[in-house]
C-alpha atoms as a PDB file:
ATOM      1  CA  UNK A   1     -10.083 -33.443  26.391  1.00  0.00           C
ATOM      2  CA  UNK A   2      -8.390 -30.800  24.262  1.00  0.00           C
ATOM      3  CA  UNK A   3      -7.988 -31.241  20.555  1.00  0.00           C
ATOM      4  CA  UNK A   4      -4.905 -29.804  18.920  1.00  0.00           C
ATOM      5  CA  UNK A   5      -5.034 -28.257  15.492  1.00  0.00           C
ATOM      6  CA  UNK A   6      -2.269 -28.728  12.943  1.00  0.00           C
ATOM      7  CA  UNK A   7      -2.533 -25.104  11.861  1.00  0.00           C
ATOM      8  CA  UNK A   8      -0.715 -22.399  13.761  1.00  0.00           C
ATOM      9  CA  UNK A   9      -2.796 -19.212  13.927  1.00  0.00           C
ATOM     10  CA  UNK A  10      -1.251 -15.980  12.673  1.00  0.00           C
ATOM     11  CA  UNK A  11       1.662 -17.725  10.959  1.00  0.00           C
ATOM     12  CA  UNK A  12       2.977 -15.674   8.035  1.00  0.00           C
ATOM     13  CA  UNK A  13       3.748 -17.104   4.636  1.00  0.00           C
ATOM     14  CA  UNK A  14       7.149 -16.580   3.008  1.00  0.00           C
ATOM     15  CA  UNK A  15       5.622 -13.918   0.737  1.00  0.00           C
ATOM     16  CA  UNK A  16       4.037 -12.087   3.670  1.00  0.00           C
ATOM     17  CA  UNK A  17       7.350 -12.095   5.553  1.00  0.00           C
ATOM     18  CA  UNK A  18       9.142 -10.686   2.501  1.00  0.00           C
ATOM     19  CA  UNK A  19       6.517  -7.972   2.111  1.00  0.00           C
ATOM     20  CA  UNK A  20       6.853  -6.967   5.779  1.00  0.00           C
ATOM     21  CA  UNK A  21      10.639  -6.854   5.429  1.00  0.00           C
ATOM     22  CA  UNK A  22      10.364  -4.556   2.384  1.00  0.00           C
ATOM     23  CA  UNK A  23       7.906  -2.282   4.177  1.00  0.00           C
ATOM     24  CA  UNK A  24      10.050  -2.090   7.308  1.00  0.00           C
ATOM     25  CA  UNK A  25      13.113  -1.154   5.272  1.00  0.00           C
ATOM     26  CA  UNK A  26      11.323   1.670   3.426  1.00  0.00           C
ATOM     27  CA  UNK A  27      12.481   5.190   4.177  1.00  0.00           C
ATOM     28  CA  UNK A  28      10.049   7.729   5.655  1.00  0.00           C
ATOM     29  CA  UNK A  29       9.953   9.480   2.270  1.00  0.00           C
ATOM     30  CA  UNK A  30       8.999   6.207   0.557  1.00  0.00           C
ATOM     31  CA  UNK A  31       6.272   5.555   3.118  1.00  0.00           C
ATOM     32  CA  UNK A  32       4.897   9.065   2.657  1.00  0.00           C
ATOM     33  CA  UNK A  33       4.897   8.667  -1.132  1.00  0.00           C
ATOM     34  CA  UNK A  34       3.009   5.381  -0.768  1.00  0.00           C
ATOM     35  CA  UNK A  35       0.446   7.005   1.557  1.00  0.00           C
ATOM     36  CA  UNK A  36      -0.103   9.929  -0.815  1.00  0.00           C
ATOM     37  CA  UNK A  37      -0.588   7.531  -3.737  1.00  0.00           C
ATOM     38  CA  UNK A  38      -3.045   5.444  -1.708  1.00  0.00           C
ATOM     39  CA  UNK A  39      -5.013   8.585  -0.834  1.00  0.00           C
ATOM     40  CA  UNK A  40      -5.218   9.605  -4.508  1.00  0.00           C
ATOM     41  CA  UNK A  41      -6.490   6.134  -5.446  1.00  0.00           C
ATOM     42  CA  UNK A  42      -9.084   6.320  -2.658  1.00  0.00           C
ATOM     43  CA  UNK A  43     -10.222   9.782  -3.786  1.00  0.00           C
ATOM     44  CA  UNK A  44     -10.540   8.725  -7.430  1.00  0.00           C
ATOM     45  CA  UNK A  45     -12.463   5.558  -6.527  1.00  0.00           C
ATOM     46  CA  UNK A  46     -14.865   7.421  -4.246  1.00  0.00           C
ATOM     47  CA  UNK A  47     -13.763   5.485  -1.172  1.00  0.00           C
ATOM     48  CA  UNK A  48     -12.523   8.729   0.374  1.00  0.00           C
ATOM     49  CA  UNK A  49     -14.175  12.102   0.098  1.00  0.00           C
ATOM     50  CA  UNK A  50     -12.140  15.266  -0.331  1.00  0.00           C
ATOM     51  CA  UNK A  51     -11.893  17.318   2.842  1.00  0.00           C
ATOM     52  CA  UNK A  52     -11.562  20.756   1.271  1.00  0.00           C
ATOM     53  CA  UNK A  53     -11.704  23.579   3.792  1.00  0.00           C
ATOM     54  CA  UNK A  54     -14.344  26.216   3.242  1.00  0.00           C
ATOM     55  CA  UNK A  55     -16.585  23.916   1.211  1.00  0.00           C
ATOM     56  CA  UNK A  56     -19.602  21.995   2.498  1.00  0.00           C
END
């Protein structure tokens, strides 16, 4: 006998839907700016190492 759960998996909240809508409406330039900012944060925090050419 199967038991049904009241929760629907992968259902988004209202806030998550709004965030996805904002992201999808962003221009390519806005997305690139966000990516560059995220990379700078990752570099400063040590989560990402610099990949400078010519240096070991």
